[in-house]
PDB file of N, CA and C in Angstrom:
ATOM      1  N   MET A   1       8.576 -69.525 -16.412  1.00  0.00           N
ATOM      2  CA  MET A   1       7.986 -68.206 -16.625  1.00  0.00           C
ATOM      3  C   MET A   1       8.968 -67.258 -16.991  1.00  0.00           C
ATOM      4  N   SER A   2       8.581 -66.423 -17.992  1.00  0.00           N
ATOM      5  CA  SER A   2       9.491 -65.333 -18.533  1.00  0.00           C
ATOM      6  C   SER A   2       8.885 -63.929 -18.331  1.00  0.00           C
ATOM      7  N   GLN A   3       9.754 -62.955 -18.127  1.00  0.00           N
ATOM      8  CA  GLN A   3       9.149 -61.475 -18.072  1.00  0.00           C
ATOM      9  C   GLN A   3      10.073 -60.837 -19.182  1.00  0.00           C
ATOM     10  N   GLN A   4       9.117 -59.865 -19.725  1.00  0.00           N
ATOM     11  CA  GLN A   4       9.801 -59.056 -20.791  1.00  0.00           C
ATOM     12  C   GLN A   4       9.182 -57.634 -20.684  1.00  0.00           C
ATOM     13  N   VAL A   5      10.048 -56.585 -21.018  1.00  0.00           N
ATOM     14  CA  VAL A   5       9.606 -55.430 -20.892  1.00  0.00           C
ATOM     15  C   VAL A   5       9.706 -54.819 -22.535  1.00  0.00           C
ATOM     16  N   LEU A   6       8.407 -54.479 -23.052  1.00  0.00           N
ATOM     17  CA  LEU A   6       8.433 -53.854 -24.408  1.00  0.00           C
ATOM     18  C   LEU A   6       8.130 -52.374 -24.639  1.00  0.00           C
ATOM     19  N   SER A   7       8.945 -51.800 -25.247  1.00  0.00           N
ATOM     20  CA  SER A   7       8.785 -50.412 -25.490  1.00  0.00           C
ATOM     21  C   SER A   7       7.617 -50.183 -26.484  1.00  0.00           C
ATOM     22  N   VAL A   8       6.632 -49.392 -26.065  1.00  0.00           N
ATOM     23  CA  VAL A   8       5.322 -49.053 -26.852  1.00  0.00           C
ATOM     24  C   VAL A   8       5.199 -47.492 -26.669  1.00  0.00           C
ATOM     25  N   PRO A   9       5.989 -46.770 -27.507  1.00  0.00           N
ATOM     26  CA  PRO A   9       6.041 -45.277 -27.410  1.00  0.00           C
ATOM     27  C   PRO A   9       4.692 -44.647 -27.722  1.00  0.00           C
ATOM     28  N   GLU A  10       3.705 -45.190 -28.332  1.00  0.00           N
ATOM     29  CA  GLU A  10       2.552 -44.636 -28.629  1.00  0.00           C
ATOM     30  C   GLU A  10       1.394 -44.627 -27.478  1.00  0.00           C
ATOM     31  N   VAL A  11       1.751 -45.327 -26.497  1.00  0.00           N
ATOM     32  CA  VAL A  11       0.850 -45.405 -25.207  1.00  0.00           C
ATOM     33  C   VAL A  11       0.808 -44.028 -24.532  1.00  0.00           C
ATOM     34  N   HIS A  12      -0.509 -43.406 -24.316  1.00  0.00           N
ATOM     35  CA  HIS A  12      -0.584 -42.100 -23.743  1.00  0.00           C
ATOM     36  C   HIS A  12      -1.852 -41.991 -22.897  1.00  0.00           C
ATOM     37  N   CYS A  13      -2.704 -42.859 -22.862  1.00  0.00           N
ATOM     38  CA  CYS A  13      -3.927 -42.643 -22.229  1.00  0.00           C
ATOM     39  C   CYS A  13      -4.448 -43.972 -21.396  1.00  0.00           C
ATOM     40  N   GLY A  14      -5.592 -43.799 -20.819  1.00  0.00           N
ATOM     41  CA  GLY A  14      -6.325 -45.059 -20.088  1.00  0.00           C
ATOM     42  C   GLY A  14      -6.998 -46.002 -21.229  1.00  0.00           C
ATOM     43  N   HIS A  15      -7.324 -45.523 -22.331  1.00  0.00           N
ATOM     44  CA  HIS A  15      -7.755 -46.256 -23.370  1.00  0.00           C
ATOM     45  C   HIS A  15      -6.777 -47.166 -23.986  1.00  0.00           C
ATOM     46  N   CYS A  16      -5.465 -46.714 -24.050  1.00  0.00           N
ATOM     47  CA  CYS A  16      -4.315 -47.531 -24.623  1.00  0.00           C
ATOM     48  C   CYS A  16      -4.074 -48.599 -23.631  1.00  0.00           C
ATOM     49  N   VAL A  17      -4.097 -48.194 -22.300  1.00  0.00           N
ATOM     50  CA  VAL A  17      -3.833 -49.297 -21.355  1.00  0.00           C
ATOM     51  C   VAL A  17      -4.754 -50.307 -21.290  1.00  0.00           C
ATOM     52  N   SER A  18      -6.272 -49.971 -21.406  1.00  0.00           N
ATOM     53  CA  SER A  18      -7.276 -51.064 -21.469  1.00  0.00           C
ATOM     54  C   SER A  18      -7.071 -51.829 -22.706  1.00  0.00           C
ATOM     55  N   SER A  19      -6.863 -51.203 -23.785  1.00  0.00           N
ATOM     56  CA  SER A  19      -6.817 -51.939 -25.070  1.00  0.00           C
ATOM     57  C   SER A  19      -5.708 -52.925 -24.950  1.00  0.00           C
ATOM     58  N   ILE A  20      -4.550 -52.529 -24.674  1.00  0.00           N
ATOM     59  CA  ILE A  20      -3.335 -53.503 -24.639  1.00  0.00           C
ATOM     60  C   ILE A  20      -3.521 -54.526 -23.582  1.00  0.00           C
ATOM     61  N   GLU A  21      -3.791 -54.119 -22.284  1.00  0.00           N
ATOM     62  CA  GLU A  21      -3.832 -55.148 -21.098  1.00  0.00           C
ATOM     63  C   GLU A  21      -4.871 -56.199 -21.434  1.00  0.00           C
ATOM     64  N   GLY A  22      -6.033 -55.670 -22.001  1.00  0.00           N
ATOM     65  CA  GLY A  22      -7.246 -56.592 -22.233  1.00  0.00           C
ATOM     66  C   GLY A  22      -6.867 -57.543 -23.280  1.00  0.00           C
ATOM     67  N   ALA A  23      -6.198 -57.160 -24.358  1.00  0.00           N
ATOM     68  CA  ALA A  23      -5.954 -58.136 -25.373  1.00  0.00           C
ATOM     69  C   ALA A  23      -4.802 -59.023 -25.082  1.00  0.00           C
ATOM     70  N   VAL A  24      -3.734 -58.592 -24.414  1.00  0.00           N
ATOM     71  CA  VAL A  24      -2.606 -59.439 -24.158  1.00  0.00           C
ATOM     72  C   VAL A  24      -2.915 -60.426 -23.044  1.00  0.00           C
ATOM     73  N   SER A  25      -3.693 -60.025 -22.048  1.00  0.00           N
ATOM     74  CA  SER A  25      -4.234 -60.839 -21.011  1.00  0.00           C
ATOM     75  C   SER A  25      -5.041 -61.978 -21.468  1.00  0.00           C
ATOM     76  N   GLN A  26      -5.575 -62.027 -22.622  1.00  0.00           N
ATOM     77  CA  GLN A  26      -6.396 -63.049 -23.080  1.00  0.00           C
ATOM     78  C   GLN A  26      -5.634 -64.105 -23.684  1.00  0.00           C
ATOM     79  N   LEU A  27      -4.424 -63.885 -23.982  1.00  0.00           N
ATOM     80  CA  LEU A  27      -3.444 -64.928 -24.603  1.00  0.00           C
ATOM     81  C   LEU A  27      -3.199 -66.084 -23.762  1.00  0.00           C
ATOM     82  N   GLU A  28      -3.437 -67.298 -24.027  1.00  0.00           N
ATOM     83  CA  GLU A  28      -3.176 -68.445 -23.217  1.00  0.00           C
ATOM     84  C   GLU A  28      -1.741 -68.419 -22.976  1.00  0.00           C
ATOM     85  N   GLY A  29      -1.224 -68.467 -21.614  1.00  0.00           N
ATOM     86  CA  GLY A  29       0.039 -68.411 -21.159  1.00  0.00           C
ATOM     87  C   GLY A  29       0.422 -67.274 -20.598  1.00  0.00           C
ATOM     88  N   VAL A  30      -0.260 -66.112 -20.739  1.00  0.00           N
ATOM     89  CA  VAL A  30       0.128 -64.910 -20.112  1.00  0.00           C
ATOM     90  C   VAL A  30      -0.428 -64.809 -18.831  1.00  0.00           C
ATOM     91  N   ASP A  31       0.412 -64.564 -17.844  1.00  0.00           N
ATOM     92  CA  ASP A  31       0.056 -64.558 -16.354  1.00  0.00           C
ATOM     93  C   ASP A  31      -0.364 -63.191 -16.046  1.00  0.00           C
ATOM     94  N   THR A  32       0.572 -62.109 -16.236  1.00  0.00           N
ATOM     95  CA  THR A  32       0.187 -60.615 -15.919  1.00  0.00           C
ATOM     96  C   THR A  32       0.652 -59.741 -17.119  1.00  0.00           C
ATOM     97  N   VAL A  33       0.087 -58.720 -17.227  1.00  0.00           N
ATOM     98  CA  VAL A  33       0.437 -57.730 -18.253  1.00  0.00           C
ATOM     99  C   VAL A  33       0.180 -56.271 -17.695  1.00  0.00           C
ATOM    100  N   LYS A  34       1.059 -55.357 -17.561  1.00  0.00           N
ATOM    101  CA  LYS A  34       1.002 -54.160 -17.053  1.00  0.00           C
ATOM    102  C   LYS A  34       1.511 -53.052 -17.985  1.00  0.00           C
ATOM    103  N   VAL A  35       0.720 -52.079 -18.264  1.00  0.00           N
ATOM    104  CA  VAL A  35       1.212 -50.885 -19.053  1.00  0.00           C
ATOM    105  C   VAL A  35       1.539 -49.847 -18.191  1.00  0.00           C
ATOM    106  N   ASN A  36       2.730 -49.187 -18.335  1.00  0.00           N
ATOM    107  CA  ASN A  36       3.227 -48.160 -17.604  1.00  0.00           C
ATOM    108  C   ASN A  36       3.153 -46.848 -18.513  1.00  0.00           C
ATOM    109  N   LEU A  37       2.222 -45.835 -18.216  1.00  0.00           N
ATOM    110  CA  LEU A  37       2.101 -44.619 -19.077  1.00  0.00           C
ATOM    111  C   LEU A  37       3.374 -43.766 -18.938  1.00  0.00           C
ATOM    112  N   ASP A  38       3.947 -43.687 -17.750  1.00  0.00           N
ATOM    113  CA  ASP A  38       5.156 -42.758 -17.591  1.00  0.00           C
ATOM    114  C   ASP A  38       6.220 -43.307 -18.557  1.00  0.00           C
ATOM    115  N   SER A  39       6.747 -44.479 -18.521  1.00  0.00           N
ATOM    116  CA  SER A  39       7.703 -44.999 -19.186  1.00  0.00           C
ATOM    117  C   SER A  39       7.414 -45.520 -20.579  1.00  0.00           C
ATOM    118  N   ARG A  40       6.059 -45.493 -20.874  1.00  0.00           N
ATOM    119  CA  ARG A  40       5.497 -46.110 -22.086  1.00  0.00           C
ATOM    120  C   ARG A  40       5.977 -47.428 -22.588  1.00  0.00           C
ATOM    121  N   ASP A  41       5.907 -48.320 -21.524  1.00  0.00           N
ATOM    122  CA  ASP A  41       6.294 -49.641 -21.884  1.00  0.00           C
ATOM    123  C   ASP A  41       5.386 -50.660 -21.273  1.00  0.00           C
ATOM    124  N   VAL A  42       5.443 -51.873 -21.675  1.00  0.00           N
ATOM    125  CA  VAL A  42       4.503 -52.872 -21.248  1.00  0.00           C
ATOM    126  C   VAL A  42       5.255 -54.102 -20.482  1.00  0.00           C
ATOM    127  N   THR A  43       4.982 -54.383 -19.498  1.00  0.00           N
ATOM    128  CA  THR A  43       5.721 -55.590 -18.943  1.00  0.00           C
ATOM    129  C   THR A  43       4.726 -56.722 -18.816  1.00  0.00           C
ATOM    130  N   VAL A  44       5.195 -57.856 -19.419  1.00  0.00           N
ATOM    131  CA  VAL A  44       4.521 -59.196 -19.434  1.00  0.00           C
ATOM    132  C   VAL A  44       5.072 -60.337 -18.861  1.00  0.00           C
ATOM    133  N   ASP A  45       4.442 -60.927 -17.993  1.00  0.00           N
ATOM    134  CA  ASP A  45       4.983 -62.161 -17.373  1.00  0.00           C
ATOM    135  C   ASP A  45       4.158 -63.224 -18.163  1.00  0.00           C
ATOM    136  N   PHE A  46       4.964 -64.199 -18.661  1.00  0.00           N
ATOM    137  CA  PHE A  46       4.230 -65.289 -19.378  1.00  0.00           C
ATOM    138  C   PHE A  46       5.045 -66.606 -19.314  1.00  0.00           C
ATOM    139  N   ASP A  47       4.220 -67.729 -19.662  1.00  0.00           N
ATOM    140  CA  ASP A  47       4.857 -68.948 -19.836  1.00  0.00           C
ATOM    141  C   ASP A  47       5.262 -69.132 -21.275  1.00  0.00           C
ATOM    142  N   ASP A  48       6.604 -69.052 -21.484  1.00  0.00           N
ATOM    143  CA  ASP A  48       7.044 -69.145 -22.757  1.00  0.00           C
ATOM    144  C   ASP A  48       7.020 -70.506 -23.532  1.00  0.00           C
ATOM    145  N   THR A  49       6.545 -71.422 -22.730  1.00  0.00           N
ATOM    146  CA  THR A  49       6.151 -72.876 -23.337  1.00  0.00           C
ATOM    147  C   THR A  49       4.865 -72.853 -24.044  1.00  0.00           C
ATOM    148  N   ARG A  50       3.914 -71.785 -23.733  1.00  0.00           N
ATOM    149  CA  ARG A  50       2.611 -71.651 -24.019  1.00  0.00           C
ATOM    150  C   ARG A  50       2.446 -70.561 -24.965  1.00  0.00           C
ATOM    151  N   VAL A  51       3.088 -69.509 -24.840  1.00  0.00           N
ATOM    152  CA  VAL A  51       2.948 -68.321 -25.795  1.00  0.00           C
ATOM    153  C   VAL A  51       4.307 -67.699 -26.035  1.00  0.00           C
ATOM    154  N   GLY A  52       4.548 -67.367 -27.349  1.00  0.00           N
ATOM    155  CA  GLY A  52       5.750 -66.760 -27.701  1.00  0.00           C
ATOM    156  C   GLY A  52       5.700 -65.197 -27.721  1.00  0.00           C
ATOM    157  N   LEU A  53       6.902 -64.659 -27.597  1.00  0.00           N
ATOM    158  CA  LEU A  53       7.111 -63.260 -27.558  1.00  0.00           C
ATOM    159  C   LEU A  53       6.449 -62.621 -28.873  1.00  0.00           C
ATOM    160  N   GLU A  54       6.755 -63.310 -29.870  1.00  0.00           N
ATOM    161  CA  GLU A  54       6.276 -62.830 -31.296  1.00  0.00           C
ATOM    162  C   GLU A  54       4.651 -62.683 -31.274  1.00  0.00           C
ATOM    163  N   GLN A  55       3.995 -63.700 -30.509  1.00  0.00           N
ATOM    164  CA  GLN A  55       2.559 -63.589 -30.550  1.00  0.00           C
ATOM    165  C   GLN A  55       2.016 -62.365 -29.586  1.00  0.00           C
ATOM    166  N   ILE A  56       2.904 -62.111 -28.610  1.00  0.00           N
ATOM    167  CA  ILE A  56       2.467 -60.973 -27.766  1.00  0.00           C
ATOM    168  C   ILE A  56       2.693 -59.648 -28.442  1.00  0.00           C
ATOM    169  N   VAL A  57       3.797 -59.587 -29.164  1.00  0.00           N
ATOM    170  CA  VAL A  57       4.050 -58.327 -29.961  1.00  0.00           C
ATOM    171  C   VAL A  57       2.941 -58.093 -30.966  1.00  0.00           C
ATOM    172  N   SER A  58       2.637 -59.276 -31.755  1.00  0.00           N
ATOM    173  CA  SER A  58       1.676 -59.338 -32.644  1.00  0.00           C
ATOM    174  C   SER A  58       0.255 -58.719 -32.246  1.00  0.00           C
ATOM    175  N   THR A  59      -0.011 -59.306 -30.933  1.00  0.00           N
ATOM    176  CA  THR A  59      -1.350 -58.866 -30.355  1.00  0.00           C
ATOM    177  C   THR A  59      -1.377 -57.309 -30.032  1.00  0.00           C
ATOM    178  N   ILE A  60      -0.222 -56.726 -29.546  1.00  0.00           N
ATOM    179  CA  ILE A  60      -0.105 -55.434 -29.247  1.00  0.00           C
ATOM    180  C   ILE A  60      -0.174 -54.548 -30.606  1.00  0.00           C
ATOM    181  N   GLU A  61       0.418 -55.079 -31.483  1.00  0.00           N
ATOM    182  CA  GLU A  61       0.419 -54.247 -32.827  1.00  0.00           C
ATOM    183  C   GLU A  61      -1.109 -54.407 -33.469  1.00  0.00           C
ATOM    184  N   GLY A  62      -1.723 -55.520 -33.252  1.00  0.00           N
ATOM    185  CA  GLY A  62      -2.973 -55.664 -33.636  1.00  0.00           C
ATOM    186  C   GLY A  62      -4.019 -54.763 -32.995  1.00  0.00           C
ATOM    187  N   GLN A  63      -3.613 -54.186 -32.034  1.00  0.00           N
ATOM    188  CA  GLN A  63      -4.514 -53.036 -31.194  1.00  0.00           C
ATOM    189  C   GLN A  63      -4.265 -51.749 -31.761  1.00  0.00           C
ATOM    190  N   GLY A  64      -3.115 -51.658 -32.664  1.00  0.00           N
ATOM    191  CA  GLY A  64      -2.926 -50.379 -33.363  1.00  0.00           C
ATOM    192  C   GLY A  64      -1.632 -49.644 -32.830  1.00  0.00           C
ATOM    193  N   TYR A  65      -0.744 -50.484 -32.043  1.00  0.00           N
ATOM    194  CA  TYR A  65       0.443 -49.746 -31.370  1.00  0.00           C
ATOM    195  C   TYR A  65       1.670 -50.329 -32.006  1.00  0.00           C
ATOM    196  N   ASP A  66       2.725 -49.644 -32.277  1.00  0.00           N
ATOM    197  CA  ASP A  66       4.047 -50.224 -32.659  1.00  0.00           C
ATOM    198  C   ASP A  66       4.645 -50.573 -31.446  1.00  0.00           C
ATOM    199  N   VAL A  67       5.441 -51.548 -31.504  1.00  0.00           N
ATOM    200  CA  VAL A  67       6.359 -52.057 -30.488  1.00  0.00           C
ATOM    201  C   VAL A  67       7.742 -51.639 -30.725  1.00  0.00           C
ATOM    202  N   GLY A  68       8.174 -50.342 -30.205  1.00  0.00           N
ATOM    203  CA  GLY A  68       9.599 -50.059 -30.304  1.00  0.00           C
ATOM    204  C   GLY A  68       9.833 -49.750 -31.664  1.00  0.00           C
ATOM    205  N   ASP A  69      11.204 -49.362 -31.942  1.00  0.00           N
ATOM    206  CA  ASP A  69      11.644 -49.273 -33.506  1.00  0.00           C
ATOM    207  C   ASP A  69      12.868 -50.189 -33.317  1.00  0.00           C
ATOM    208  N   GLY A  70      12.660 -51.367 -33.791  1.00  0.00           N
ATOM    209  CA  GLY A  70      13.790 -52.302 -33.773  1.00  0.00           C
ATOM    210  C   GLY A  70      13.751 -53.105 -32.444  1.00  0.00           C
ATOM    211  N   PRO A  71      14.643 -53.922 -32.133  1.00  0.00           N
ATOM    212  CA  PRO A  71      14.591 -54.673 -30.853  1.00  0.00           C
ATOM    213  C   PRO A  71      14.695 -53.938 -29.670  1.00  0.00           C
ATOM    214  N   LYS A  72      13.575 -53.708 -29.044  1.00  0.00           N
ATOM    215  CA  LYS A  72      13.558 -52.957 -27.744  1.00  0.00           C
ATOM    216  C   LYS A  72      13.073 -53.850 -26.676  1.00  0.00           C
ATOM    217  N   VAL A  73      13.185 -55.138 -26.897  1.00  0.00           N
ATOM    218  CA  VAL A  73      12.871 -56.193 -25.748  1.00  0.00           C
ATOM    219  C   VAL A  73      13.914 -56.156 -24.725  1.00  0.00           C
ATOM    220  N   ILE A  74      13.593 -56.037 -23.552  1.00  0.00           N
ATOM    221  CA  ILE A  74      14.616 -56.120 -22.524  1.00  0.00           C
ATOM    222  C   ILE A  74      14.345 -57.338 -21.539  1.00  0.00           C
ATOM    223  N   PRO A  75      15.113 -58.368 -21.556  1.00  0.00           N
ATOM    224  CA  PRO A  75      14.901 -59.531 -20.691  1.00  0.00           C
ATOM    225  C   PRO A  75      15.331 -59.103 -19.445  1.00  0.00           C
ATOM    226  N   LEU A  76      14.515 -59.413 -18.321  1.00  0.00           N
ATOM    227  CA  LEU A  76      14.860 -59.161 -16.936  1.00  0.00           C
ATOM    228  C   LEU A  76      15.322 -60.348 -16.214  1.00  0.00           C
ATOM    229  N   GLN A  77      16.343 -59.994 -15.534  1.00  0.00           N
ATOM    230  CA  GLN A  77      17.117 -61.034 -14.720  1.00  0.00           C
ATOM    231  C   GLN A  77      16.164 -61.685 -13.433  1.00  0.00           C
ATOM    232  N   LYS A  78      15.991 -62.829 -13.401  1.00  0.00           N
ATOM    233  CA  LYS A  78      15.415 -63.412 -12.111  1.00  0.00           C
ATOM    234  C   LYS A  78      16.268 -63.242 -11.027  1.00  0.00           C
ATOM    235  N   PRO A  79      15.779 -62.859  -9.823  1.00  0.00           N
ATOM    236  CA  PRO A  79      16.499 -62.807  -8.483  1.00  0.00           C
ATOM    237  C   PRO A  79      17.373 -64.184  -8.240  1.00  0.00           C
ATOM    238  N   GLN A  80      18.493 -64.039  -7.807  1.00  0.00           N
ATOM    239  CA  GLN A  80      19.329 -65.254  -7.463  1.00  0.00           C
ATOM    240  C   GLN A  80      18.795 -65.696  -6.173  1.00  0.00           C
ATOM    241  N   ALA A  81      18.678 -67.045  -6.015  1.00  0.00           N
ATOM    242  CA  ALA A  81      18.244 -67.726  -4.667  1.00  0.00           C
ATOM    243  C   ALA A  81      19.286 -67.741  -3.792  1.00  0.00           C
TER     244      ALA A  81
END
């Protein structure tokens, strides 16, 4: 399982949240997707053997939102056991 935070600067309202969360959550392999209006980013937990980051970004862009300007993907560290 992977987690990525994607910058989506155009996110500003409840419709944006519903649009992005609804579309991304339908992708096979996506476990959770959460849009944060304050930080204007999208956190996605997904199985990278079933869905690629490129497909997630493409889905967000397909809803009419740009994903950052350049590489704004921030990989999060998993807690050490």
